[in-house]
Amino acid sequence: MEEPKTEKEKAKEIVKKDWGNGSNYEISIDGINQNGSYIVTVRNSNTTEALAYYIVNVKDGTFTKKVME
């Protein structure tokens, strides 16, 4: 598997590894916060409903996650 090229791709890859494999969701970058971390959303592919939000620090590979109820 080849390494992601951009920081955006790296952020998506970090979320994908945590969220797991599946075909009924998509991952999108919603912005960058004041600390330079990416705001990444996992959405239902059919409804676009947000399933989870991640704040991803690409530099050290860490994240925080909020799963929607």
N, C-alpha and C. Protein backbone atom coordinates (compact mmCIF):
# COMPACT_ATOMS: atom_id res chain seq x y z
N MET A 1 0.85 -1.19 0.00
CA MET A 1 0.00 0.00 0.00
C MET A 1 0.89 1.24 0.00
N GLU A 2 0.59 2.18 -0.87
CA GLU A 2 1.45 3.35 -0.95
C GLU A 2 1.07 4.39 0.09
N GLU A 3 2.04 5.16 0.51
CA GLU A 3 1.83 6.17 1.54
C GLU A 3 0.98 7.32 1.00
N PRO A 4 0.08 7.87 1.83
CA PRO A 4 -0.67 9.05 1.41
C PRO A 4 0.30 10.20 1.14
N LYS A 5 -0.02 11.03 0.15
CA LYS A 5 0.91 12.06 -0.30
C LYS A 5 0.75 13.38 0.46
N THR A 6 -0.46 13.83 0.63
CA THR A 6 -0.70 15.14 1.25
C THR A 6 -1.14 14.98 2.69
N GLU A 7 -1.08 16.08 3.44
CA GLU A 7 -1.57 16.03 4.83
C GLU A 7 -3.06 15.69 4.86
N LYS A 8 -3.84 16.19 3.90
CA LYS A 8 -5.27 15.86 3.86
C LYS A 8 -5.46 14.35 3.69
N GLU A 9 -4.69 13.75 2.77
CA GLU A 9 -4.79 12.31 2.57
C GLU A 9 -4.37 11.55 3.83
N LYS A 10 -3.34 12.04 4.50
CA LYS A 10 -2.90 11.39 5.74
C LYS A 10 -3.98 11.47 6.80
N ALA A 11 -4.64 12.63 6.94
CA ALA A 11 -5.72 12.78 7.92
C ALA A 11 -6.85 11.80 7.62
N LYS A 12 -7.23 11.70 6.36
CA LYS A 12 -8.29 10.75 5.97
C LYS A 12 -7.88 9.32 6.27
N GLU A 13 -6.62 8.98 6.02
CA GLU A 13 -6.13 7.63 6.24
C GLU A 13 -6.15 7.27 7.73
N ILE A 14 -5.79 8.22 8.59
CA ILE A 14 -5.82 8.00 10.04
C ILE A 14 -7.26 7.70 10.49
N VAL A 15 -8.21 8.47 9.97
CA VAL A 15 -9.62 8.25 10.33
C VAL A 15 -10.10 6.91 9.79
N LYS A 16 -9.75 6.61 8.55
CA LYS A 16 -10.18 5.35 7.93
C LYS A 16 -9.68 4.15 8.73
N LYS A 17 -8.43 4.20 9.20
CA LYS A 17 -7.89 3.10 10.00
C LYS A 17 -8.66 2.93 11.30
N ASP A 18 -9.08 4.04 11.92
CA ASP A 18 -9.83 3.94 13.17
C ASP A 18 -11.27 3.51 12.92
N TRP A 19 -11.91 4.07 11.91
CA TRP A 19 -13.33 3.81 11.66
C TRP A 19 -13.55 2.41 11.13
N GLY A 20 -12.61 1.91 10.34
CA GLY A 20 -12.72 0.57 9.81
C GLY A 20 -13.19 0.56 8.36
N ASN A 21 -13.19 -0.62 7.79
CA ASN A 21 -13.59 -0.78 6.40
C ASN A 21 -15.10 -0.87 6.30
N GLY A 22 -15.60 -0.42 5.20
CA GLY A 22 -17.02 -0.47 4.94
C GLY A 22 -17.31 0.29 3.67
N SER A 23 -18.50 0.12 3.17
CA SER A 23 -18.83 0.77 1.90
C SER A 23 -19.93 1.80 2.03
N ASN A 24 -20.51 1.93 3.21
CA ASN A 24 -21.65 2.82 3.35
C ASN A 24 -21.30 4.13 4.04
N TYR A 25 -20.04 4.54 3.95
CA TYR A 25 -19.65 5.82 4.53
C TYR A 25 -18.61 6.50 3.66
N GLU A 26 -18.48 7.80 3.83
CA GLU A 26 -17.43 8.55 3.17
C GLU A 26 -16.77 9.48 4.18
N ILE A 27 -15.53 9.80 3.93
CA ILE A 27 -14.74 10.63 4.84
C ILE A 27 -14.43 11.94 4.14
N SER A 28 -14.71 13.05 4.82
CA SER A 28 -14.44 14.35 4.21
C SER A 28 -13.69 15.25 5.17
N ILE A 29 -12.86 16.11 4.61
CA ILE A 29 -12.15 17.13 5.37
C ILE A 29 -13.04 18.36 5.43
N ASP A 30 -13.36 18.80 6.64
CA ASP A 30 -14.23 19.96 6.80
C ASP A 30 -13.49 21.24 7.13
N GLY A 31 -12.19 21.14 7.37
CA GLY A 31 -11.42 22.35 7.66
C GLY A 31 -10.22 22.05 8.52
N ILE A 32 -9.56 23.12 8.92
CA ILE A 32 -8.39 23.04 9.79
C ILE A 32 -8.64 23.98 10.96
N ASN A 33 -8.40 23.51 12.18
CA ASN A 33 -8.63 24.37 13.34
C ASN A 33 -7.43 25.27 13.61
N GLN A 34 -7.52 26.07 14.65
CA GLN A 34 -6.48 27.05 14.97
C GLN A 34 -5.15 26.40 15.34
N ASN A 35 -5.15 25.11 15.69
CA ASN A 35 -3.92 24.40 16.05
C ASN A 35 -3.28 23.71 14.85
N GLY A 36 -3.92 23.81 13.68
CA GLY A 36 -3.39 23.15 12.50
C GLY A 36 -3.84 21.71 12.35
N SER A 37 -4.77 21.28 13.20
CA SER A 37 -5.31 19.92 13.09
C SER A 37 -6.50 19.92 12.13
N TYR A 38 -6.68 18.80 11.44
CA TYR A 38 -7.76 18.68 10.47
C TYR A 38 -9.06 18.26 11.14
N ILE A 39 -10.15 18.87 10.72
CA ILE A 39 -11.48 18.49 11.16
C ILE A 39 -12.01 17.55 10.08
N VAL A 40 -12.23 16.29 10.45
CA VAL A 40 -12.61 15.26 9.49
C VAL A 40 -13.95 14.67 9.92
N THR A 41 -14.85 14.50 8.95
CA THR A 41 -16.18 13.97 9.24
C THR A 41 -16.39 12.65 8.51
N VAL A 42 -16.96 11.69 9.23
CA VAL A 42 -17.39 10.43 8.62
C VAL A 42 -18.90 10.57 8.41
N ARG A 43 -19.33 10.40 7.16
CA ARG A 43 -20.75 10.58 6.82
C ARG A 43 -21.33 9.32 6.19
N ASN A 44 -22.63 9.10 6.43
CA ASN A 44 -23.37 8.04 5.77
C ASN A 44 -23.43 8.39 4.28
N SER A 45 -23.03 7.46 3.42
CA SER A 45 -23.00 7.72 1.97
C SER A 45 -24.39 7.99 1.39
N ASN A 46 -25.39 7.37 1.96
CA ASN A 46 -26.74 7.50 1.40
C ASN A 46 -27.44 8.77 1.86
N THR A 47 -27.28 9.13 3.13
CA THR A 47 -28.03 10.27 3.67
C THR A 47 -27.16 11.50 3.92
N THR A 48 -25.86 11.37 3.87
CA THR A 48 -24.86 12.39 4.22
C THR A 48 -24.93 12.80 5.70
N GLU A 49 -25.66 12.05 6.51
CA GLU A 49 -25.72 12.31 7.94
C GLU A 49 -24.35 12.08 8.56
N ALA A 50 -23.94 13.00 9.44
CA ALA A 50 -22.65 12.85 10.12
C ALA A 50 -22.72 11.70 11.11
N LEU A 51 -21.78 10.78 11.02
CA LEU A 51 -21.69 9.65 11.93
C LEU A 51 -20.68 9.91 13.03
N ALA A 52 -19.60 10.64 12.69
CA ALA A 52 -18.56 10.94 13.66
C ALA A 52 -17.73 12.13 13.18
N TYR A 53 -17.17 12.85 14.14
CA TYR A 53 -16.25 13.94 13.86
C TYR A 53 -14.91 13.59 14.49
N TYR A 54 -13.85 13.88 13.78
CA TYR A 54 -12.49 13.66 14.26
C TYR A 54 -11.71 14.96 14.18
N ILE A 55 -10.85 15.19 15.14
CA ILE A 55 -9.84 16.24 15.09
C ILE A 55 -8.52 15.49 14.99
N VAL A 56 -7.84 15.63 13.84
CA VAL A 56 -6.66 14.82 13.54
C VAL A 56 -5.41 15.69 13.49
N ASN A 57 -4.42 15.32 14.30
CA ASN A 57 -3.10 15.95 14.26
C ASN A 57 -2.24 15.07 13.37
N VAL A 58 -2.02 15.51 12.13
CA VAL A 58 -1.28 14.70 11.17
C VAL A 58 0.18 14.56 11.57
N LYS A 59 0.74 15.58 12.20
CA LYS A 59 2.16 15.57 12.54
C LYS A 59 2.54 14.41 13.47
N ASP A 60 1.68 14.14 14.46
CA ASP A 60 2.01 13.04 15.38
C ASP A 60 1.05 11.85 15.28
N GLY A 61 0.08 11.93 14.36
CA GLY A 61 -0.81 10.80 14.11
C GLY A 61 -1.89 10.58 15.15
N THR A 62 -2.12 11.58 16.02
CA THR A 62 -3.14 11.43 17.06
C THR A 62 -4.46 12.06 16.63
N PHE A 63 -5.53 11.67 17.31
CA PHE A 63 -6.85 12.24 17.02
C PHE A 63 -7.74 12.16 18.23
N THR A 64 -8.77 12.99 18.21
CA THR A 64 -9.88 12.84 19.14
C THR A 64 -11.12 12.59 18.29
N LYS A 65 -12.07 11.85 18.83
CA LYS A 65 -13.23 11.43 18.07
C LYS A 65 -14.50 11.68 18.85
N LYS A 66 -15.53 12.15 18.15
CA LYS A 66 -16.86 12.27 18.76
C LYS A 66 -17.84 11.55 17.84
N VAL A 67 -18.41 10.46 18.34
CA VAL A 67 -19.40 9.70 17.58
C VAL A 67 -20.77 10.27 17.87
N MET A 68 -21.53 10.49 16.82
CA MET A 68 -22.87 11.05 16.97
C MET A 68 -23.84 9.96 17.47
N GLU A 69 -24.74 10.35 18.33
CA GLU A 69 -25.72 9.40 18.90
C GLU A 69 -26.96 9.36 18.06
